[in-house]
Amino acid sequence: MANTPQAKKRIRRNARRTEINGARVGRIRTFIKKAEAALTSGDKDAAAAAMAQVQPELARGVAKGVLHRNTAARKFSRLTKRLATL
């Protein structure tokens, strides 16, 4: 268990950051699910609109450090490929 003041502070800070980062990842997942639902429905306009929302969310996740940039690029690439096939 932490017994130095900075270690105790670190535990408190890590708990706050975990909560915030979890919310960020959850928000990104929600946008991805919306895009996948639009792609599955076959509605090209809705899918394109959803993709326009997913891309900045993924980029924000990378900027905030909750996603690796290659992970975000892979997810966006796969969604874009599916959109192109519609």
PDB file of N, CA and C in Angstrom:
ATOM      1  N   MET A   1       0.845  -1.189   0.000  1.00  0.00           N
ATOM      2  CA  MET A   1       0.000   0.000   0.000  1.00  0.00           C
ATOM      3  C   MET A   1       0.882   1.241   0.000  1.00  0.00           C
ATOM      4  N   ALA A   2       0.371   2.299  -0.610  1.00  0.00           N
ATOM      5  CA  ALA A   2       1.135   3.531  -0.700  1.00  0.00           C
ATOM      6  C   ALA A   2       1.309   4.151   0.679  1.00  0.00           C
ATOM      7  N   ASN A   3       2.514   4.579   0.983  1.00  0.00           N
ATOM      8  CA  ASN A   3       2.717   5.209   2.282  1.00  0.00           C
ATOM      9  C   ASN A   3       3.440   6.537   2.188  1.00  0.00           C
ATOM     10  N   THR A   4       3.763   7.000   0.979  1.00  0.00           N
ATOM     11  CA  THR A   4       4.340   8.328   0.848  1.00  0.00           C
ATOM     12  C   THR A   4       3.251   9.263   0.333  1.00  0.00           C
ATOM     13  N   PRO A   5       3.338  10.530   0.649  1.00  0.00           N
ATOM     14  CA  PRO A   5       2.294  11.467   0.204  1.00  0.00           C
ATOM     15  C   PRO A   5       2.125  11.496  -1.310  1.00  0.00           C
ATOM     16  N   GLN A   6       3.247  11.463  -2.063  1.00  0.00           N
ATOM     17  CA  GLN A   6       3.106  11.524  -3.517  1.00  0.00           C
ATOM     18  C   GLN A   6       2.492  10.247  -4.083  1.00  0.00           C
ATOM     19  N   ALA A   7       2.753   9.103  -3.434  1.00  0.00           N
ATOM     20  CA  ALA A   7       2.143   7.856  -3.895  1.00  0.00           C
ATOM     21  C   ALA A   7       0.642   7.867  -3.641  1.00  0.00           C
ATOM     22  N   LYS A   8       0.226   8.435  -2.502  1.00  0.00           N
ATOM     23  CA  LYS A   8      -1.207   8.541  -2.201  1.00  0.00           C
ATOM     24  C   LYS A   8      -1.894   9.471  -3.200  1.00  0.00           C
ATOM     25  N   LYS A   9      -1.222  10.567  -3.510  1.00  0.00           N
ATOM     26  CA  LYS A   9      -1.776  11.515  -4.483  1.00  0.00           C
ATOM     27  C   LYS A   9      -1.875  10.858  -5.857  1.00  0.00           C
ATOM     28  N   ARG A  10      -0.872  10.078  -6.197  1.00  0.00           N
ATOM     29  CA  ARG A  10      -0.850   9.386  -7.485  1.00  0.00           C
ATOM     30  C   ARG A  10      -2.039   8.432  -7.601  1.00  0.00           C
ATOM     31  N   ILE A  11      -2.358   7.728  -6.520  1.00  0.00           N
ATOM     32  CA  ILE A  11      -3.496   6.812  -6.521  1.00  0.00           C
ATOM     33  C   ILE A  11      -4.794   7.583  -6.743  1.00  0.00           C
ATOM     34  N   ARG A  12      -4.935   8.725  -6.058  1.00  0.00           N
ATOM     35  CA  ARG A  12      -6.143   9.541  -6.236  1.00  0.00           C
ATOM     36  C   ARG A  12      -6.244  10.042  -7.670  1.00  0.00           C
ATOM     37  N   ARG A  13      -5.132  10.513  -8.212  1.00  0.00           N
ATOM     38  CA  ARG A  13      -5.136  11.043  -9.570  1.00  0.00           C
ATOM     39  C   ARG A  13      -5.428   9.952 -10.589  1.00  0.00           C
ATOM     40  N   ASN A  14      -4.817   8.776 -10.399  1.00  0.00           N
ATOM     41  CA  ASN A  14      -5.040   7.669 -11.325  1.00  0.00           C
ATOM     42  C   ASN A  14      -6.505   7.259 -11.353  1.00  0.00           C
ATOM     43  N   ALA A  15      -7.157   7.288 -10.202  1.00  0.00           N
ATOM     44  CA  ALA A  15      -8.574   6.926 -10.149  1.00  0.00           C
ATOM     45  C   ALA A  15      -9.409   7.921 -10.949  1.00  0.00           C
ATOM     46  N   ARG A  16      -9.105   9.214 -10.818  1.00  0.00           N
ATOM     47  CA  ARG A  16      -9.834  10.232 -11.593  1.00  0.00           C
ATOM     48  C   ARG A  16      -9.590  10.054 -13.085  1.00  0.00           C
ATOM     49  N   ARG A  17      -8.325   9.842 -13.460  1.00  0.00           N
ATOM     50  CA  ARG A  17      -7.986   9.722 -14.875  1.00  0.00           C
ATOM     51  C   ARG A  17      -8.625   8.475 -15.484  1.00  0.00           C
ATOM     52  N   THR A  18      -8.676   7.372 -14.712  1.00  0.00           N
ATOM     53  CA  THR A  18      -9.282   6.143 -15.212  1.00  0.00           C
ATOM     54  C   THR A  18     -10.749   6.374 -15.538  1.00  0.00           C
ATOM     55  N   GLU A  19     -11.432   7.095 -14.664  1.00  0.00           N
ATOM     56  CA  GLU A  19     -12.848   7.386 -14.886  1.00  0.00           C
ATOM     57  C   GLU A  19     -13.040   8.238 -16.141  1.00  0.00           C
ATOM     58  N   ILE A  20     -12.230   9.270 -16.281  1.00  0.00           N
ATOM     59  CA  ILE A  20     -12.327  10.172 -17.433  1.00  0.00           C
ATOM     60  C   ILE A  20     -11.994   9.429 -18.724  1.00  0.00           C
ATOM     61  N   ASN A  21     -10.894   8.662 -18.705  1.00  0.00           N
ATOM     62  CA  ASN A  21     -10.490   7.939 -19.905  1.00  0.00           C
ATOM     63  C   ASN A  21     -11.510   6.881 -20.290  1.00  0.00           C
ATOM     64  N   GLY A  22     -12.126   6.241 -19.294  1.00  0.00           N
ATOM     65  CA  GLY A  22     -13.169   5.260 -19.585  1.00  0.00           C
ATOM     66  C   GLY A  22     -14.348   5.896 -20.278  1.00  0.00           C
ATOM     67  N   ALA A  23     -14.712   7.093 -19.855  1.00  0.00           N
ATOM     68  CA  ALA A  23     -15.806   7.817 -20.502  1.00  0.00           C
ATOM     69  C   ALA A  23     -15.436   8.177 -21.935  1.00  0.00           C
ATOM     70  N   ARG A  24     -14.186   8.551 -22.145  1.00  0.00           N
ATOM     71  CA  ARG A  24     -13.743   8.896 -23.501  1.00  0.00           C
ATOM     72  C   ARG A  24     -13.805   7.687 -24.429  1.00  0.00           C
ATOM     73  N   VAL A  25     -13.321   6.553 -23.955  1.00  0.00           N
ATOM     74  CA  VAL A  25     -13.334   5.334 -24.773  1.00  0.00           C
ATOM     75  C   VAL A  25     -14.782   4.921 -25.048  1.00  0.00           C
ATOM     76  N   GLY A  26     -15.643   5.045 -24.034  1.00  0.00           N
ATOM     77  CA  GLY A  26     -17.050   4.699 -24.214  1.00  0.00           C
ATOM     78  C   GLY A  26     -17.717   5.576 -25.257  1.00  0.00           C
ATOM     79  N   ARG A  27     -17.388   6.865 -25.253  1.00  0.00           N
ATOM     80  CA  ARG A  27     -17.942   7.796 -26.245  1.00  0.00           C
ATOM     81  C   ARG A  27     -17.495   7.397 -27.652  1.00  0.00           C
ATOM     82  N   ILE A  28     -16.238   7.038 -27.800  1.00  0.00           N
ATOM     83  CA  ILE A  28     -15.720   6.627 -29.106  1.00  0.00           C
ATOM     84  C   ILE A  28     -16.433   5.361 -29.567  1.00  0.00           C
ATOM     85  N   ARG A  29     -16.598   4.384 -28.667  1.00  0.00           N
ATOM     86  CA  ARG A  29     -17.280   3.138 -29.017  1.00  0.00           C
ATOM     87  C   ARG A  29     -18.711   3.393 -29.466  1.00  0.00           C
ATOM     88  N   THR A  30     -19.383   4.349 -28.813  1.00  0.00           N
ATOM     89  CA  THR A  30     -20.756   4.677 -29.174  1.00  0.00           C
ATOM     90  C   THR A  30     -20.815   5.198 -30.610  1.00  0.00           C
ATOM     91  N   PHE A  31     -19.910   6.096 -30.954  1.00  0.00           N
ATOM     92  CA  PHE A  31     -19.888   6.639 -32.311  1.00  0.00           C
ATOM     93  C   PHE A  31     -19.583   5.543 -33.332  1.00  0.00           C
ATOM     94  N   ILE A  32     -18.671   4.633 -32.987  1.00  0.00           N
ATOM     95  CA  ILE A  32     -18.334   3.545 -33.897  1.00  0.00           C
ATOM     96  C   ILE A  32     -19.544   2.638 -34.099  1.00  0.00           C
ATOM     97  N   LYS A  33     -20.271   2.336 -33.020  1.00  0.00           N
ATOM     98  CA  LYS A  33     -21.462   1.484 -33.128  1.00  0.00           C
ATOM     99  C   LYS A  33     -22.528   2.139 -33.994  1.00  0.00           C
ATOM    100  N   LYS A  34     -22.697   3.464 -33.859  1.00  0.00           N
ATOM    101  CA  LYS A  34     -23.663   4.184 -34.695  1.00  0.00           C
ATOM    102  C   LYS A  34     -23.276   4.076 -36.164  1.00  0.00           C
ATOM    103  N   ALA A  35     -21.988   4.212 -36.445  1.00  0.00           N
ATOM    104  CA  ALA A  35     -21.512   4.113 -37.824  1.00  0.00           C
ATOM    105  C   ALA A  35     -21.720   2.703 -38.359  1.00  0.00           C
ATOM    106  N   GLU A  36     -21.428   1.688 -37.541  1.00  0.00           N
ATOM    107  CA  GLU A  36     -21.616   0.304 -37.981  1.00  0.00           C
ATOM    108  C   GLU A  36     -23.091   0.009 -38.221  1.00  0.00           C
ATOM    109  N   ALA A  37     -23.965   0.557 -37.386  1.00  0.00           N
ATOM    110  CA  ALA A  37     -25.405   0.358 -37.580  1.00  0.00           C
ATOM    111  C   ALA A  37     -25.856   0.998 -38.885  1.00  0.00           C
ATOM    112  N   ALA A  38     -25.340   2.185 -39.185  1.00  0.00           N
ATOM    113  CA  ALA A  38     -25.695   2.865 -40.432  1.00  0.00           C
ATOM    114  C   ALA A  38     -25.171   2.083 -41.637  1.00  0.00           C
ATOM    115  N   LEU A  39     -23.975   1.526 -41.505  1.00  0.00           N
ATOM    116  CA  LEU A  39     -23.415   0.726 -42.598  1.00  0.00           C
ATOM    117  C   LEU A  39     -24.226  -0.550 -42.808  1.00  0.00           C
ATOM    118  N   THR A  40     -24.645  -1.171 -41.723  1.00  0.00           N
ATOM    119  CA  THR A  40     -25.416  -2.404 -41.819  1.00  0.00           C
ATOM    120  C   THR A  40     -26.778  -2.153 -42.449  1.00  0.00           C
ATOM    121  N   SER A  41     -27.372  -0.983 -42.146  1.00  0.00           N
ATOM    122  CA  SER A  41     -28.694  -0.672 -42.698  1.00  0.00           C
ATOM    123  C   SER A  41     -28.641  -0.449 -44.211  1.00  0.00           C
ATOM    124  N   GLY A  42     -27.476  -0.080 -44.718  1.00  0.00           N
ATOM    125  CA  GLY A  42     -27.322   0.121 -46.155  1.00  0.00           C
ATOM    126  C   GLY A  42     -27.618   1.541 -46.606  1.00  0.00           C
ATOM    127  N   ASP A  43     -27.925   2.414 -45.679  1.00  0.00           N
ATOM    128  CA  ASP A  43     -28.215   3.808 -46.018  1.00  0.00           C
ATOM    129  C   ASP A  43     -26.904   4.565 -46.174  1.00  0.00           C
ATOM    130  N   LYS A  44     -26.567   4.878 -47.415  1.00  0.00           N
ATOM    131  CA  LYS A  44     -25.254   5.480 -47.685  1.00  0.00           C
ATOM    132  C   LYS A  44     -25.127   6.885 -47.092  1.00  0.00           C
ATOM    133  N   ASP A  45     -26.205   7.679 -47.152  1.00  0.00           N
ATOM    134  CA  ASP A  45     -26.145   9.040 -46.605  1.00  0.00           C
ATOM    135  C   ASP A  45     -25.944   9.023 -45.097  1.00  0.00           C
ATOM    136  N   ALA A  46     -26.709   8.165 -44.414  1.00  0.00           N
ATOM    137  CA  ALA A  46     -26.579   8.073 -42.959  1.00  0.00           C
ATOM    138  C   ALA A  46     -25.196   7.549 -42.577  1.00  0.00           C
ATOM    139  N   ALA A  47     -24.690   6.601 -43.351  1.00  0.00           N
ATOM    140  CA  ALA A  47     -23.371   6.038 -43.071  1.00  0.00           C
ATOM    141  C   ALA A  47     -22.287   7.097 -43.261  1.00  0.00           C
ATOM    142  N   ALA A  48     -22.415   7.900 -44.313  1.00  0.00           N
ATOM    143  CA  ALA A  48     -21.430   8.952 -44.565  1.00  0.00           C
ATOM    144  C   ALA A  48     -21.461   9.994 -43.444  1.00  0.00           C
ATOM    145  N   ALA A  49     -22.666  10.324 -42.972  1.00  0.00           N
ATOM    146  CA  ALA A  49     -22.785  11.286 -41.877  1.00  0.00           C
ATOM    147  C   ALA A  49     -22.174  10.714 -40.589  1.00  0.00           C
ATOM    148  N   ALA A  50     -22.414   9.438 -40.345  1.00  0.00           N
ATOM    149  CA  ALA A  50     -21.861   8.797 -39.152  1.00  0.00           C
ATOM    150  C   ALA A  50     -20.339   8.739 -39.231  1.00  0.00           C
ATOM    151  N   MET A  51     -19.817   8.474 -40.422  1.00  0.00           N
ATOM    152  CA  MET A  51     -18.367   8.419 -40.594  1.00  0.00           C
ATOM    153  C   MET A  51     -17.743   9.796 -40.351  1.00  0.00           C
ATOM    154  N   ALA A  52     -18.459  10.855 -40.734  1.00  0.00           N
ATOM    155  CA  ALA A  52     -17.962  12.210 -40.518  1.00  0.00           C
ATOM    156  C   ALA A  52     -17.878  12.519 -39.030  1.00  0.00           C
ATOM    157  N   GLN A  53     -18.680  11.825 -38.211  1.00  0.00           N
ATOM    158  CA  GLN A  53     -18.617  12.026 -36.767  1.00  0.00           C
ATOM    159  C   GLN A  53     -17.574  11.124 -36.121  1.00  0.00           C
ATOM    160  N   VAL A  54     -17.350   9.946 -36.688  1.00  0.00           N
ATOM    161  CA  VAL A  54     -16.415   8.986 -36.097  1.00  0.00           C
ATOM    162  C   VAL A  54     -14.971   9.474 -36.214  1.00  0.00           C
ATOM    163  N   GLN A  55     -14.614  10.016 -37.360  1.00  0.00           N
ATOM    164  CA  GLN A  55     -13.223  10.374 -37.612  1.00  0.00           C
ATOM    165  C   GLN A  55     -12.673  11.366 -36.585  1.00  0.00           C
ATOM    166  N   PRO A  56     -13.374  12.476 -36.284  1.00  0.00           N
ATOM    167  CA  PRO A  56     -12.812  13.382 -35.274  1.00  0.00           C
ATOM    168  C   PRO A  56     -12.784  12.775 -33.869  1.00  0.00           C
ATOM    169  N   GLU A  57     -13.752  11.902 -33.572  1.00  0.00           N
ATOM    170  CA  GLU A  57     -13.748  11.250 -32.255  1.00  0.00           C
ATOM    171  C   GLU A  57     -12.527  10.347 -32.098  1.00  0.00           C
ATOM    172  N   LEU A  58     -12.216   9.591 -33.146  1.00  0.00           N
ATOM    173  CA  LEU A  58     -11.024   8.736 -33.106  1.00  0.00           C
ATOM    174  C   LEU A  58      -9.768   9.587 -32.965  1.00  0.00           C
ATOM    175  N   ALA A  59      -9.708  10.687 -33.731  1.00  0.00           N
ATOM    176  CA  ALA A  59      -8.541  11.568 -33.662  1.00  0.00           C
ATOM    177  C   ALA A  59      -8.400  12.174 -32.264  1.00  0.00           C
ATOM    178  N   ARG A  60      -9.524  12.519 -31.643  1.00  0.00           N
ATOM    179  CA  ARG A  60      -9.485  13.084 -30.295  1.00  0.00           C
ATOM    180  C   ARG A  60      -9.001  12.035 -29.296  1.00  0.00           C
ATOM    181  N   GLY A  61      -9.432  10.792 -29.492  1.00  0.00           N
ATOM    182  CA  GLY A  61      -8.978   9.715 -28.619  1.00  0.00           C
ATOM    183  C   GLY A  61      -7.474   9.524 -28.697  1.00  0.00           C
ATOM    184  N   VAL A  62      -6.943   9.642 -29.894  1.00  0.00           N
ATOM    185  CA  VAL A  62      -5.493   9.523 -30.075  1.00  0.00           C
ATOM    186  C   VAL A  62      -4.792  10.705 -29.404  1.00  0.00           C
ATOM    187  N   ALA A  63      -5.330  11.905 -29.603  1.00  0.00           N
ATOM    188  CA  ALA A  63      -4.714  13.106 -29.034  1.00  0.00           C
ATOM    189  C   ALA A  63      -4.721  13.057 -27.508  1.00  0.00           C
ATOM    190  N   LYS A  64      -5.773  12.501 -26.935  1.00  0.00           N
ATOM    191  CA  LYS A  64      -5.883  12.425 -25.481  1.00  0.00           C
ATOM    192  C   LYS A  64      -5.116  11.240 -24.901  1.00  0.00           C
ATOM    193  N   GLY A  65      -4.666  10.334 -25.755  1.00  0.00           N
ATOM    194  CA  GLY A  65      -3.845   9.231 -25.297  1.00  0.00           C
ATOM    195  C   GLY A  65      -4.608   8.000 -24.849  1.00  0.00           C
ATOM    196  N   VAL A  66      -5.899   7.907 -25.190  1.00  0.00           N
ATOM    197  CA  VAL A  66      -6.660   6.727 -24.784  1.00  0.00           C
ATOM    198  C   VAL A  66      -6.671   5.652 -25.870  1.00  0.00           C
ATOM    199  N   LEU A  67      -6.275   6.026 -27.077  1.00  0.00           N
ATOM    200  CA  LEU A  67      -6.177   5.066 -28.184  1.00  0.00           C
ATOM    201  C   LEU A  67      -4.805   5.191 -28.826  1.00  0.00           C
ATOM    202  N   HIS A  68      -4.278   4.072 -29.264  1.00  0.00           N
ATOM    203  CA  HIS A  68      -3.044   4.104 -30.043  1.00  0.00           C
ATOM    204  C   HIS A  68      -3.398   4.586 -31.441  1.00  0.00           C
ATOM    205  N   ARG A  69      -2.501   5.346 -32.060  1.00  0.00           N
ATOM    206  CA  ARG A  69      -2.841   5.922 -33.365  1.00  0.00           C
ATOM    207  C   ARG A  69      -3.067   4.857 -34.421  1.00  0.00           C
ATOM    208  N   ASN A  70      -2.338   3.750 -34.359  1.00  0.00           N
ATOM    209  CA  ASN A  70      -2.546   2.682 -35.336  1.00  0.00           C
ATOM    210  C   ASN A  70      -3.910   2.015 -35.137  1.00  0.00           C
ATOM    211  N   THR A  71      -4.361   1.904 -33.898  1.00  0.00           N
ATOM    212  CA  THR A  71      -5.672   1.336 -33.621  1.00  0.00           C
ATOM    213  C   THR A  71      -6.751   2.208 -34.232  1.00  0.00           C
ATOM    214  N   ALA A  72      -6.649   3.516 -34.031  1.00  0.00           N
ATOM    215  CA  ALA A  72      -7.630   4.443 -34.585  1.00  0.00           C
ATOM    216  C   ALA A  72      -7.605   4.396 -36.110  1.00  0.00           C
ATOM    217  N   ALA A  73      -6.407   4.350 -36.690  1.00  0.00           N
ATOM    218  CA  ALA A  73      -6.282   4.298 -38.147  1.00  0.00           C
ATOM    219  C   ALA A  73      -6.894   3.015 -38.694  1.00  0.00           C
ATOM    220  N   ARG A  74      -6.664   1.903 -38.000  1.00  0.00           N
ATOM    221  CA  ARG A  74      -7.214   0.621 -38.443  1.00  0.00           C
ATOM    222  C   ARG A  74      -8.740   0.638 -38.402  1.00  0.00           C
ATOM    223  N   LYS A  75      -9.300   1.137 -37.310  1.00  0.00           N
ATOM    224  CA  LYS A  75     -10.753   1.177 -37.175  1.00  0.00           C
ATOM    225  C   LYS A  75     -11.367   2.062 -38.250  1.00  0.00           C
ATOM    226  N   PHE A  76     -10.783   3.231 -38.457  1.00  0.00           N
ATOM    227  CA  PHE A  76     -11.324   4.146 -39.464  1.00  0.00           C
ATOM    228  C   PHE A  76     -11.175   3.570 -40.862  1.00  0.00           C
ATOM    229  N   SER A  77     -10.054   2.922 -41.119  1.00  0.00           N
ATOM    230  CA  SER A  77      -9.825   2.328 -42.433  1.00  0.00           C
ATOM    231  C   SER A  77     -10.861   1.250 -42.739  1.00  0.00           C
ATOM    232  N   ARG A  78     -11.135   0.398 -41.764  1.00  0.00           N
ATOM    233  CA  ARG A  78     -12.103  -0.679 -41.972  1.00  0.00           C
ATOM    234  C   ARG A  78     -13.509  -0.130 -42.190  1.00  0.00           C
ATOM    235  N   LEU A  79     -13.856   0.910 -41.425  1.00  0.00           N
ATOM    236  CA  LEU A  79     -15.177   1.519 -41.612  1.00  0.00           C
ATOM    237  C   LEU A  79     -15.276   2.195 -42.979  1.00  0.00           C
ATOM    238  N   THR A  80     -14.207   2.867 -43.394  1.00  0.00           N
ATOM    239  CA  THR A  80     -14.190   3.542 -44.692  1.00  0.00           C
ATOM    240  C   THR A  80     -14.318   2.542 -45.832  1.00  0.00           C
ATOM    241  N   LYS A  81     -13.643   1.404 -45.696  1.00  0.00           N
ATOM    242  CA  LYS A  81     -13.719   0.362 -46.718  1.00  0.00           C
ATOM    243  C   LYS A  81     -15.151  -0.153 -46.836  1.00  0.00           C
ATOM    244  N   ARG A  82     -15.813  -0.352 -45.692  1.00  0.00           N
ATOM    245  CA  ARG A  82     -17.200  -0.815 -45.710  1.00  0.00           C
ATOM    246  C   ARG A  82     -18.122   0.222 -46.345  1.00  0.00           C
ATOM    247  N   LEU A  83     -17.838   1.505 -46.101  1.00  0.00           N
ATOM    248  CA  LEU A  83     -18.641   2.573 -46.691  1.00  0.00           C
ATOM    249  C   LEU A  83     -18.475   2.595 -48.209  1.00  0.00           C
ATOM    250  N   ALA A  84     -17.257   2.360 -48.675  1.00  0.00           N
ATOM    251  CA  ALA A  84     -16.987   2.373 -50.111  1.00  0.00           C
ATOM    252  C   ALA A  84     -17.708   1.245 -50.837  1.00  0.00           C
ATOM    253  N   THR A  85     -17.968   0.140 -50.142  1.00  0.00           N
ATOM    254  CA  THR A  85     -18.631  -0.988 -50.799  1.00  0.00           C
ATOM    255  C   THR A  85     -20.148  -0.783 -50.917  1.00  0.00           C
ATOM    256  N   LEU A  86     -20.696   0.207 -50.182  1.00  0.00           N
ATOM    257  CA  LEU A  86     -22.144   0.448 -50.268  1.00  0.00           C
ATOM    258  C   LEU A  86     -22.535   0.988 -51.643  1.00  0.00           C
TER     259      LEU A  86
END
